[in-house]
Amino acid sequence: MDIINLIIFLAVGALAGWLAGNIMKGRGFGVVGDIVVGIVGAVLGGLVFGLFGITTGGLLGAIIMATIGAVMLLYLIRFLRTA
């Protein structure tokens, strides 16, 4: 992975974290926390989409996949916090 792909991955993760924070209303994790959740959510989304055999194309597909992964991660974190 070259530096350009890494920067794009981080930017998509940051955007996904911000979107997921807006979708999942409630107590947020702050800007840095949302970015971290977005990046981890991008990896989680890629894993889940891969398991189901769903492929996305282009930047918009990557943002949608990462946002769905980040929303799943936020839901899991909030579920574990209340348990």
Protein backbone atom coordinates (compact mmCIF):
# COMPACT_ATOMS: atom_id res chain seq x y z
CA MET A 1 0.00 0.00 0.00
CA ASP A 2 1.55 3.26 -1.06
CA ILE A 3 1.12 6.57 0.74
CA ILE A 4 -1.68 7.85 -1.53
CA ASN A 5 -3.83 4.77 -0.87
CA LEU A 6 -3.18 5.11 2.86
CA ILE A 7 -4.27 8.75 2.82
CA ILE A 8 -7.43 7.87 0.88
CA PHE A 9 -8.18 5.02 3.32
CA LEU A 10 -7.79 7.37 6.30
CA ALA A 11 -9.94 10.04 4.65
CA VAL A 12 -12.69 7.56 3.84
CA GLY A 13 -12.52 6.24 7.41
CA ALA A 14 -12.72 9.74 8.84
CA LEU A 15 -15.73 10.59 6.68
CA ALA A 16 -17.39 7.29 7.58
CA GLY A 17 -16.83 7.92 11.28
CA TRP A 18 -18.37 11.37 11.00
CA LEU A 19 -21.36 10.00 9.06
CA ALA A 20 -21.85 7.13 11.50
CA GLY A 21 -21.70 9.55 14.43
CA ASN A 22 -24.48 11.59 12.82
CA ILE A 23 -26.55 8.50 12.00
CA MET A 24 -26.22 7.03 15.49
CA LYS A 25 -27.39 9.97 17.55
CA GLY A 26 -26.41 10.16 21.18
CA ARG A 27 -23.17 10.56 23.06
CA GLY A 28 -20.36 10.79 20.60
CA PHE A 29 -16.70 9.95 20.96
CA GLY A 30 -15.44 13.33 19.81
CA VAL A 31 -13.71 14.10 16.55
CA VAL A 32 -10.70 11.86 17.07
CA GLY A 33 -12.82 9.05 18.46
CA ASP A 34 -15.20 9.22 15.48
CA ILE A 35 -12.25 9.07 13.10
CA VAL A 36 -10.86 6.00 14.85
CA VAL A 37 -14.29 4.36 14.85
CA GLY A 38 -14.60 5.16 11.14
CA ILE A 39 -11.25 3.61 10.30
CA VAL A 40 -11.94 0.46 12.31
CA GLY A 41 -15.47 0.44 10.88
CA ALA A 42 -14.04 0.57 7.36
CA VAL A 43 -12.07 -2.58 8.06
CA LEU A 44 -15.11 -4.22 9.70
CA GLY A 45 -17.34 -3.22 6.77
CA GLY A 46 -14.87 -4.66 4.29
CA LEU A 47 -14.76 -7.92 6.24
CA VAL A 48 -18.55 -8.22 6.51
CA PHE A 49 -19.15 -7.29 2.89
CA GLY A 50 -16.50 -9.82 1.85
CA LEU A 51 -18.14 -12.57 3.89
CA PHE A 52 -21.46 -11.94 2.15
CA GLY A 53 -19.81 -11.69 -1.26
CA ILE A 54 -20.87 -8.08 -1.78
CA THR A 55 -18.50 -5.94 -3.80
CA THR A 56 -18.42 -2.17 -4.00
CA GLY A 57 -16.78 -0.09 -6.63
CA GLY A 58 -15.25 3.32 -6.54
CA LEU A 59 -14.97 5.92 -3.84
CA LEU A 60 -18.71 6.17 -3.16
CA GLY A 61 -18.96 2.42 -2.64
CA ALA A 62 -16.02 2.53 -0.23
CA ILE A 63 -17.63 5.35 1.74
CA ILE A 64 -20.95 3.48 1.97
CA MET A 65 -19.22 0.25 3.02
CA ALA A 66 -17.11 2.04 5.64
CA THR A 67 -20.12 3.93 6.99
CA ILE A 68 -22.13 0.72 7.38
CA GLY A 69 -19.18 -0.88 9.16
CA ALA A 70 -18.78 2.13 11.44
CA VAL A 71 -22.50 2.12 12.30
CA MET A 72 -22.26 -1.58 13.17
CA LEU A 73 -19.22 -0.89 15.33
CA LEU A 74 -20.92 2.02 17.13
CA TYR A 75 -23.98 -0.14 17.77
CA LEU A 76 -21.77 -2.89 19.19
CA ILE A 77 -19.85 -0.46 21.41
CA ARG A 78 -23.04 1.08 22.77
CA PHE A 79 -24.54 -2.37 23.35
CA LEU A 80 -21.48 -3.49 25.31
CA ARG A 81 -21.43 -0.27 27.34
CA THR A 82 -24.99 -0.81 28.56
CA ALA A 83 -24.46 -4.48 29.38
